[in-house]
């Protein structure tokens, strides 16, 4: 049985089209996209406003959402913020993490994201021993995503050292697998288990995928990096987020983190460099020449005072730009995307560094490329994943066509759909209910006061 949505207007083939009729089959995969259908068919849900392909959140740490509004009291630095983050990580168990992540993924959907790359490194019990049930934390995240209706690429993260040539700290013990062989064995086991439990079938009905990640040059020795070049899947890495990371890398390896990765054969089209804030001209040329992916997280980078990365230069060099919410300072796909352009304007003193069409591309097809997911476009064969944005709100009234990407916020997202199912309508999850109540349960599960 097919499902049909008639959209007042929609982003199709790189432009705003009117009277767009979307038809999905019973797997939630698009089988027809028609434009200029003036009258909605009798059996079709009418979708007012502008319909956009669902936003792709290419970089997420779900549990970091718990820190929102709790780390600003004394200013501090990225490194002091990290200590607070470790204190929250120490509270996580498979049971409470599922509760936390369910709330976060529901909020993502309300905020305009329909797919996520979950950069996950809390693998084991707090003392570093594996859970009795294999992949318990990973399964908790997968269950949370599927219960919310969020399409997920679980980026299984390698985290072996606390810094270059230093052991993991007590707070980091649960992140590690001991050796690169330990990580690769666990990663292979996870991929095999998930291929059975969450088989990848049609675009619309496949919600759980596995990828890999190098936490950072600080956390994975250079000698181990070539193992990631052997993997035929998305590989993500935190790259040059902080000057201190670059300085430590220069002292240890005599070059930048980007060049360490390049020497190891990791810089390729399946690599996504997250942040990429403090790069040299050679680094930009290396990443662009390899047609790598860049995941900019502007709201987090501003919150942590990381700096503003050279997004325009990277795009011009050949890299593909995508968007991530990282620590979820906000879960607002539109505001995050606007912040990409805002940072560029502040950095350069020029307007229009990224056109509205390029911004939409970064949020949609850019993220789809980073995560290798069948999403990001309203096109036959892709998953029927989209968001609908009000065009007549007090924020968007008068916005012209795709320029709404620079005026709307998550408050204007009145519908979020994945696999042809309406997941969030007017800010309320259609199955899970009020999202604030999900957070009430999450903070209670962590035994934290809200």
Protein backbone atom coordinates (compact mmCIF):
# COMPACT_ATOMS: atom_id res chain seq x y z
CA UNK A 1 0.00 0.00 0.00
CA UNK A 2 1.40 3.41 -0.94
CA UNK A 3 1.46 6.62 1.11
CA UNK A 4 1.07 10.01 -0.55
CA UNK A 5 1.92 13.54 0.54
CA UNK A 6 0.91 16.61 -1.47
CA UNK A 7 3.31 19.43 -0.68
CA UNK A 8 2.37 23.05 -1.28
CA UNK A 9 6.00 23.58 -2.29
CA UNK A 10 9.14 21.45 -1.99
CA UNK A 11 12.87 21.43 -2.72
CA UNK A 12 13.23 19.14 -5.74
CA UNK A 13 16.24 18.90 -8.07
CA UNK A 14 17.92 21.91 -6.49
CA UNK A 15 15.03 24.34 -6.67
CA UNK A 16 11.66 25.16 -5.13
CA UNK A 17 8.82 23.45 -7.00
CA UNK A 18 5.10 23.86 -6.39
CA UNK A 19 2.37 21.27 -6.08
CA UNK A 20 4.73 18.38 -5.35
CA UNK A 21 3.15 14.95 -4.94
CA UNK A 22 5.33 12.42 -3.11
CA UNK A 23 4.38 8.75 -3.29
CA UNK A 24 6.09 6.13 -1.14
CA UNK A 25 5.69 2.37 -1.26
CA UNK A 26 4.96 0.22 1.78
CA UNK A 27 8.66 0.20 2.76
CA UNK A 28 8.74 4.00 3.03
CA UNK A 29 10.78 4.44 -0.15
CA UNK A 30 9.86 7.10 -2.70
CA UNK A 31 8.49 5.62 -5.93
CA UNK A 32 7.20 8.82 -7.50
CA UNK A 33 7.92 12.55 -7.24
CA UNK A 34 5.61 14.72 -9.34
CA UNK A 35 5.68 18.52 -9.61
CA UNK A 36 3.05 21.06 -10.67
CA UNK A 37 0.20 18.92 -9.37
CA UNK A 38 -2.20 21.79 -8.85
CA UNK A 39 -4.85 19.94 -6.82
CA UNK A 40 -4.10 17.49 -4.02
CA UNK A 41 -5.49 13.99 -4.65
CA UNK A 42 -8.26 12.80 -2.39
CA UNK A 43 -6.02 10.23 -0.69
CA UNK A 44 -2.95 12.31 0.20
CA UNK A 45 -1.89 14.23 3.26
CA UNK A 46 -1.69 17.95 2.48
CA UNK A 47 1.60 19.46 3.67
CA UNK A 48 1.52 23.27 3.90
CA UNK A 49 4.62 25.48 3.64
CA UNK A 50 7.96 24.45 2.16
CA UNK A 51 8.97 20.79 2.29
CA UNK A 52 12.70 20.10 2.49
CA UNK A 53 14.52 16.77 2.45
CA UNK A 54 15.12 15.76 6.06
CA UNK A 55 18.19 17.32 7.63
CA UNK A 56 21.19 15.02 8.09
CA UNK A 57 22.99 15.51 11.40
CA UNK A 58 26.43 14.17 10.51
CA UNK A 59 27.98 14.46 13.98
CA UNK A 60 26.29 13.72 17.31
CA UNK A 61 27.27 12.67 20.82
CA UNK A 62 23.79 11.98 22.20
CA UNK A 63 24.66 12.13 25.91
CA UNK A 64 26.30 15.55 25.57
CA UNK A 65 22.77 17.01 25.38
CA UNK A 66 22.61 16.57 29.15
CA UNK A 67 25.24 19.31 29.52
CA UNK A 68 23.12 21.97 27.81
CA UNK A 69 22.89 25.07 29.99
CA UNK A 70 25.07 23.53 32.73
CA UNK A 71 28.66 24.46 31.80
CA UNK A 72 28.62 28.26 31.56
CA UNK A 73 28.80 29.28 35.21
CA UNK A 74 32.54 29.93 35.41
CA UNK A 75 33.40 30.27 31.73
CA UNK A 76 36.18 27.75 31.61
CA UNK A 77 37.81 26.19 28.55
CA UNK A 78 37.24 23.28 26.21
CA UNK A 79 39.35 21.18 28.58
CA UNK A 80 37.37 22.11 31.71
CA UNK A 81 34.14 21.49 29.76
CA UNK A 82 35.53 18.03 28.95
CA UNK A 83 35.81 17.19 32.66
CA UNK A 84 32.10 17.93 33.13
CA UNK A 85 31.36 15.76 30.11
CA UNK A 86 33.30 12.89 31.65
CA UNK A 87 31.20 13.17 34.81
CA UNK A 88 28.04 12.63 32.77
CA UNK A 89 29.61 9.79 30.77
CA UNK A 90 30.40 8.03 34.05
CA UNK A 91 26.66 7.85 34.85
CA UNK A 92 25.67 6.06 31.67
CA UNK A 93 24.43 2.48 31.57
CA UNK A 94 22.73 0.64 28.71
CA UNK A 95 19.37 1.14 30.40
CA UNK A 96 19.57 4.84 31.15
CA UNK A 97 21.41 5.67 27.93
CA UNK A 98 18.52 4.30 25.91
CA UNK A 99 16.19 6.62 27.83
CA UNK A 100 18.49 9.60 27.30
CA UNK A 101 19.08 8.93 23.61
CA UNK A 102 15.39 8.41 22.90
CA UNK A 103 14.70 11.93 24.14
CA UNK A 104 17.61 13.38 22.17
CA UNK A 105 16.61 11.69 18.93
CA UNK A 106 13.01 12.83 19.38
CA UNK A 107 14.23 16.40 19.85
CA UNK A 108 16.41 16.06 16.74
CA UNK A 109 13.35 15.10 14.72
CA UNK A 110 11.43 18.08 16.06
CA UNK A 111 14.40 20.27 15.19
CA UNK A 112 14.52 19.29 11.52
CA UNK A 113 16.92 16.32 11.47
CA UNK A 114 15.76 12.93 10.20
CA UNK A 115 19.13 11.10 10.06
CA UNK A 116 22.08 11.13 12.43
CA UNK A 117 25.69 10.02 12.58
CA UNK A 118 26.18 9.00 16.21
CA UNK A 119 29.90 9.28 17.08
CA UNK A 120 29.84 6.72 19.88
CA UNK A 121 32.70 5.86 22.22
CA UNK A 122 31.08 4.86 25.55
CA UNK A 123 31.46 1.14 24.84
CA UNK A 124 32.08 -0.56 28.18
CA UNK A 125 31.30 -0.44 31.90
CA UNK A 126 32.89 2.44 33.84
CA UNK A 127 35.89 0.33 34.88
CA UNK A 128 36.56 -0.62 31.25
CA UNK A 129 35.26 -4.19 31.40
CA UNK A 130 32.88 -5.29 28.64
CA UNK A 131 29.22 -5.68 29.50
CA UNK A 132 27.96 -9.24 29.85
CA UNK A 133 25.60 -8.67 26.95
CA UNK A 134 27.70 -7.97 23.86
CA UNK A 135 27.37 -4.46 22.40
CA UNK A 136 24.91 -3.45 25.11
CA UNK A 137 25.52 0.30 24.74
CA UNK A 138 25.41 0.16 20.96
CA UNK A 139 22.17 -1.80 21.00
CA UNK A 140 20.69 0.75 23.40
CA UNK A 141 21.42 3.55 20.92
CA UNK A 142 19.99 1.55 18.03
CA UNK A 143 16.80 0.83 19.98
CA UNK A 144 16.48 4.49 20.96
CA UNK A 145 16.83 5.61 17.35
CA UNK A 146 14.35 3.12 15.96
CA UNK A 147 11.78 3.85 18.67
CA UNK A 148 11.97 7.55 17.80
CA UNK A 149 12.01 6.93 14.04
CA UNK A 150 15.50 8.44 13.56
CA UNK A 151 17.69 6.96 10.82
CA UNK A 152 21.15 6.33 12.36
CA UNK A 153 24.68 5.55 11.23
CA UNK A 154 26.32 4.33 14.43
CA UNK A 155 29.93 5.48 14.14
CA UNK A 156 31.74 2.95 16.31
CA UNK A 157 34.68 4.93 17.70
CA UNK A 158 38.24 3.81 18.38
CA UNK A 159 39.72 5.40 21.52
CA UNK A 160 43.01 3.84 22.66
CA UNK A 161 45.07 6.58 24.35
CA UNK A 162 44.31 9.55 26.55
CA UNK A 163 46.74 11.71 24.59
CA UNK A 164 49.63 11.10 22.26
CA UNK A 165 51.86 8.54 24.04
CA UNK A 166 49.75 8.57 27.22
CA UNK A 167 47.45 5.99 28.75
CA UNK A 168 43.72 6.36 29.11
CA UNK A 169 42.67 8.13 32.29
CA UNK A 170 40.26 6.51 34.75
CA UNK A 171 37.44 8.59 33.21
CA UNK A 172 38.32 7.29 29.74
CA UNK A 173 38.70 3.61 30.65
CA UNK A 174 35.25 2.68 29.39
CA UNK A 175 36.00 4.17 25.96
CA UNK A 176 38.92 1.89 25.10
CA UNK A 177 39.46 -1.55 23.59
CA UNK A 178 43.09 -1.97 24.70
CA UNK A 179 44.67 -2.36 21.28
CA UNK A 180 43.82 -1.72 17.66
CA UNK A 181 43.19 -5.45 17.24
CA UNK A 182 40.80 -5.31 20.17
CA UNK A 183 38.90 -2.47 18.52
CA UNK A 184 38.83 -4.15 15.10
CA UNK A 185 37.60 -7.43 16.56
CA UNK A 186 34.81 -5.71 18.49
CA UNK A 187 33.91 -3.55 15.48
CA UNK A 188 33.67 -6.60 13.22
CA UNK A 189 31.48 -8.36 15.79
CA UNK A 190 29.23 -5.29 16.06
CA UNK A 191 28.84 -5.00 12.30
CA UNK A 192 27.98 -8.69 12.01
CA UNK A 193 25.47 -8.55 14.87
CA UNK A 194 23.72 -5.46 13.54
CA UNK A 195 23.56 -6.84 9.99
CA UNK A 196 21.40 -9.62 11.43
CA UNK A 197 19.35 -7.58 13.92
CA UNK A 198 18.90 -4.52 11.70
CA UNK A 199 19.30 -5.75 8.12
CA UNK A 200 19.81 -3.12 5.44
CA UNK A 201 16.98 -3.61 3.00
CA UNK A 202 15.08 -0.93 1.08
CA UNK A 203 15.99 2.73 1.57
CA UNK A 204 12.88 3.58 3.53
CA UNK A 205 12.79 0.70 5.98
CA UNK A 206 16.50 0.49 6.87
CA UNK A 207 17.07 2.59 9.98
CA UNK A 208 20.33 1.29 11.51
CA UNK A 209 23.73 1.31 9.81
CA UNK A 210 27.26 0.88 11.20
CA UNK A 211 30.35 2.96 10.41
CA UNK A 212 33.66 3.60 12.14
CA UNK A 213 35.46 6.53 13.71
CA UNK A 214 38.89 7.53 14.89
CA UNK A 215 38.28 9.61 17.96
CA UNK A 216 41.25 11.88 17.19
CA UNK A 217 44.98 11.85 16.55
CA UNK A 218 45.32 12.14 20.33
CA UNK A 219 43.36 8.94 20.91
CA UNK A 220 44.66 6.62 18.17
CA UNK A 221 48.41 6.20 17.58
CA UNK A 222 49.62 6.96 14.06
CA UNK A 223 50.92 3.40 13.68
CA UNK A 224 47.33 2.13 14.03
CA UNK A 225 45.71 4.47 11.53
CA UNK A 226 46.36 2.45 8.34
CA UNK A 227 43.89 -0.17 9.63
CA UNK A 228 41.07 2.30 8.96
CA UNK A 229 42.06 2.61 5.30
CA UNK A 230 41.09 -1.07 4.98
CA UNK A 231 37.46 -0.41 5.97
CA UNK A 232 34.84 -0.09 3.22
CA UNK A 233 32.47 2.19 5.14
CA UNK A 234 32.25 5.78 6.37
CA UNK A 235 35.17 6.72 8.62
CA UNK A 236 34.86 9.85 10.77
CA UNK A 237 37.48 11.67 12.86
CA UNK A 238 37.67 14.72 15.11
CA UNK A 239 40.30 16.81 13.32
CA UNK A 240 42.22 19.88 14.50
CA UNK A 241 39.45 21.08 16.77
CA UNK A 242 41.88 22.73 19.20
CA UNK A 243 45.30 24.40 18.69
CA UNK A 244 46.64 22.24 21.54
CA UNK A 245 45.87 19.14 19.48
CA UNK A 246 47.88 20.51 16.56
CA UNK A 247 50.77 21.45 18.83
CA UNK A 248 50.92 17.99 20.40
CA UNK A 249 50.75 16.35 16.98
CA UNK A 250 53.51 18.59 15.61
CA UNK A 251 55.73 17.73 18.58
CA UNK A 252 55.14 13.99 18.24
CA UNK A 253 54.96 13.51 14.48
CA UNK A 254 56.49 16.64 13.01
CA UNK A 255 53.39 17.57 11.04
CA UNK A 256 49.66 18.32 11.31
CA UNK A 257 46.89 15.85 12.15
CA UNK A 258 45.62 16.04 8.56
CA UNK A 259 49.02 15.03 7.19
CA UNK A 260 49.32 12.18 9.71
CA UNK A 261 46.02 10.85 8.39
CA UNK A 262 47.14 11.35 4.80
CA UNK A 263 50.40 9.45 5.38
CA UNK A 264 48.31 6.59 6.76
CA UNK A 265 46.11 6.39 3.66
CA UNK A 266 42.97 7.41 5.54
CA UNK A 267 42.21 10.65 3.69
CA UNK A 268 39.76 9.52 1.00
CA UNK A 269 36.20 10.05 -0.21
CA UNK A 270 34.80 7.99 2.68
CA UNK A 271 36.54 10.13 5.33
CA UNK A 272 34.63 12.78 7.24
CA UNK A 273 36.76 15.30 9.11
CA UNK A 274 34.76 16.79 11.97
CA UNK A 275 35.42 20.44 12.90
CA UNK A 276 38.55 20.88 10.74
CA UNK A 277 38.97 24.24 12.45
CA UNK A 278 42.72 24.91 12.59
CA UNK A 279 44.07 23.86 9.20
CA UNK A 280 47.06 24.87 7.12
CA UNK A 281 46.79 25.63 3.40
CA UNK A 282 48.36 22.23 2.73
CA UNK A 283 45.74 20.58 4.94
CA UNK A 284 42.94 22.25 2.98
CA UNK A 285 44.48 21.13 -0.31
CA UNK A 286 44.91 17.56 0.97
CA UNK A 287 41.32 17.21 2.18
CA UNK A 288 39.87 18.93 -0.87
CA UNK A 289 42.03 16.99 -3.32
CA UNK A 290 40.82 13.72 -1.82
CA UNK A 291 37.19 14.92 -2.07
CA UNK A 292 36.77 14.18 1.63
CA UNK A 293 33.77 15.22 3.70
CA UNK A 294 33.90 18.03 6.25
CA UNK A 295 31.42 18.13 9.12
CA UNK A 296 31.09 21.65 10.48
CA UNK A 297 29.39 22.03 13.88
CA UNK A 298 29.08 25.82 14.13
CA UNK A 299 27.00 26.10 17.30
CA UNK A 300 29.27 23.77 19.28
CA UNK A 301 32.41 25.37 17.85
CA UNK A 302 31.09 28.74 19.04
CA UNK A 303 30.01 27.40 22.43
CA UNK A 304 33.43 25.86 23.12
CA UNK A 305 35.33 28.83 21.66
CA UNK A 306 36.99 26.48 19.20
CA UNK A 307 37.19 29.02 16.40
CA UNK A 308 35.74 29.21 12.89
CA UNK A 309 36.99 26.68 10.35
CA UNK A 310 37.72 27.47 6.67
CA UNK A 311 34.53 25.99 5.27
CA UNK A 312 34.46 28.04 2.07
CA UNK A 313 38.08 27.28 1.25
CA UNK A 314 37.53 23.58 1.88
CA UNK A 315 34.48 23.54 -0.41
CA UNK A 316 36.37 25.40 -3.12
CA UNK A 317 39.22 22.88 -2.83
CA UNK A 318 36.85 19.98 -3.52
CA UNK A 319 35.58 18.85 -0.12
CA UNK A 320 31.89 18.28 0.61
CA UNK A 321 30.49 20.33 3.50
CA UNK A 322 27.94 18.87 5.92
CA UNK A 323 26.41 19.87 9.25
CA UNK A 324 26.53 18.35 12.74
CA UNK A 325 25.08 19.34 16.09
CA UNK A 326 27.87 17.65 18.13
CA UNK A 327 27.14 18.47 21.79
CA UNK A 328 23.65 19.77 20.98
CA UNK A 329 23.99 23.34 22.21
CA UNK A 330 20.89 23.58 20.07
CA UNK A 331 19.05 20.87 18.18
CA UNK A 332 17.84 23.13 15.42
CA UNK A 333 18.88 22.08 11.92
CA UNK A 334 18.01 25.49 10.48
CA UNK A 335 19.84 27.53 13.09
CA UNK A 336 22.88 25.26 12.80
CA UNK A 337 22.91 25.74 9.03
CA UNK A 338 22.50 29.51 9.37
CA UNK A 339 25.47 29.53 11.73
CA UNK A 340 27.68 28.05 9.00
CA UNK A 341 27.07 31.13 6.87
CA UNK A 342 27.17 33.50 9.86
CA UNK A 343 30.61 32.23 10.85
CA UNK A 344 31.87 32.67 7.31
CA UNK A 345 30.59 36.26 7.22
CA UNK A 346 32.24 37.10 10.53
CA UNK A 347 35.48 35.45 9.47
CA UNK A 348 35.67 37.04 6.02
CA UNK A 349 33.74 40.29 6.27
CA UNK A 350 31.71 39.19 3.24
CA UNK A 351 28.06 38.19 2.80
CA UNK A 352 26.85 35.26 0.73
CA UNK A 353 29.79 32.97 1.32
CA UNK A 354 27.38 30.07 0.88
CA UNK A 355 24.25 30.59 -1.20
CA UNK A 356 20.89 29.45 0.21
CA UNK A 357 21.00 26.50 -2.21
CA UNK A 358 24.48 25.53 -0.98
CA UNK A 359 23.30 25.72 2.62
CA UNK A 360 20.39 23.39 1.88
CA UNK A 361 22.81 21.04 0.13
CA UNK A 362 25.13 21.00 3.15
CA UNK A 363 22.23 20.09 5.43
CA UNK A 364 20.86 17.38 3.13
CA UNK A 365 22.96 15.75 0.41
CA UNK A 366 26.22 16.78 2.06
CA UNK A 367 25.29 14.89 5.20
CA UNK A 368 23.94 11.97 3.18
CA UNK A 369 27.33 11.65 1.47
CA UNK A 370 29.17 11.85 4.79
CA UNK A 371 27.10 9.04 6.28
CA UNK A 372 26.50 7.12 3.02
CA UNK A 373 22.73 7.01 3.57
CA UNK A 374 19.95 6.87 0.93
CA UNK A 375 18.51 10.20 2.02
CA UNK A 376 18.97 13.92 1.40
CA UNK A 377 16.85 14.23 -1.75
CA UNK A 378 13.19 14.02 -2.67
CA UNK A 379 13.91 11.56 -5.45
CA UNK A 380 12.75 8.12 -6.57
CA UNK A 381 14.65 5.39 -4.74
CA UNK A 382 15.48 7.54 -1.71
CA UNK A 383 13.85 7.17 1.69
CA UNK A 384 10.69 9.22 2.13
CA UNK A 385 12.27 11.46 4.78
CA UNK A 386 11.38 15.15 4.91
CA UNK A 387 10.53 18.13 7.07
CA UNK A 388 7.91 20.77 6.44
CA UNK A 389 8.59 24.42 7.31
CA UNK A 390 5.98 27.09 7.90
CA UNK A 391 6.29 29.93 5.38
CA UNK A 392 3.82 32.32 7.04
CA UNK A 393 5.10 32.47 10.62
CA UNK A 394 6.33 35.69 12.23
CA UNK A 395 9.87 34.55 11.41
CA UNK A 396 9.36 33.42 7.84
CA UNK A 397 6.60 35.66 6.48
CA UNK A 398 7.88 37.31 3.30
CA UNK A 399 10.89 35.02 2.86
CA UNK A 400 11.54 34.34 -0.82
CA UNK A 401 11.84 30.71 -1.91
CA UNK A 402 14.91 28.89 -0.62
CA UNK A 403 16.03 31.97 1.32
CA UNK A 404 13.81 30.65 4.08
CA UNK A 405 16.82 28.55 5.09
CA UNK A 406 18.21 31.80 6.53
CA UNK A 407 15.05 32.93 8.33
CA UNK A 408 13.28 29.86 9.72
CA UNK A 409 14.07 28.05 12.96
CA UNK A 410 13.01 24.74 14.45
CA UNK A 411 9.90 26.52 15.76
CA UNK A 412 8.76 26.62 12.13
CA UNK A 413 9.19 22.87 11.53
CA UNK A 414 5.60 21.64 11.78
CA UNK A 415 6.13 18.11 10.49
CA UNK A 416 9.00 15.59 10.41
CA UNK A 417 8.64 12.39 8.41
CA UNK A 418 10.87 9.31 8.11
CA UNK A 419 10.06 6.21 6.10
CA UNK A 420 6.77 7.88 5.06
CA UNK A 421 5.62 7.98 8.71
CA UNK A 422 4.90 11.27 10.46
CA UNK A 423 7.15 11.19 13.53
CA UNK A 424 6.71 14.71 14.91
CA UNK A 425 3.78 17.02 14.36
CA UNK A 426 3.79 20.56 15.76
CA UNK A 427 6.62 19.74 18.16
CA UNK A 428 5.02 16.62 19.66
CA UNK A 429 6.26 13.14 18.85
CA UNK A 430 3.36 11.18 17.40
CA UNK A 431 4.22 8.01 19.36
CA UNK A 432 6.39 9.15 22.27
CA UNK A 433 4.42 12.27 23.20
CA UNK A 434 5.74 15.51 24.68
CA UNK A 435 9.49 15.64 24.27
CA UNK A 436 9.97 17.60 27.49
CA UNK A 437 8.51 14.60 29.33
CA UNK A 438 11.07 12.35 27.65
CA UNK A 439 13.78 14.58 29.11
CA UNK A 440 12.14 14.45 32.52
CA UNK A 441 12.49 10.68 32.35
CA UNK A 442 16.08 10.96 31.07
CA UNK A 443 17.27 13.18 33.93
CA UNK A 444 15.46 10.95 36.44
CA UNK A 445 17.17 7.88 34.97
CA UNK A 446 20.56 9.59 35.44
CA UNK A 447 19.56 10.67 38.98
CA UNK A 448 20.27 14.28 38.04
CA UNK A 449 18.26 17.31 39.04
CA UNK A 450 16.84 19.27 36.12
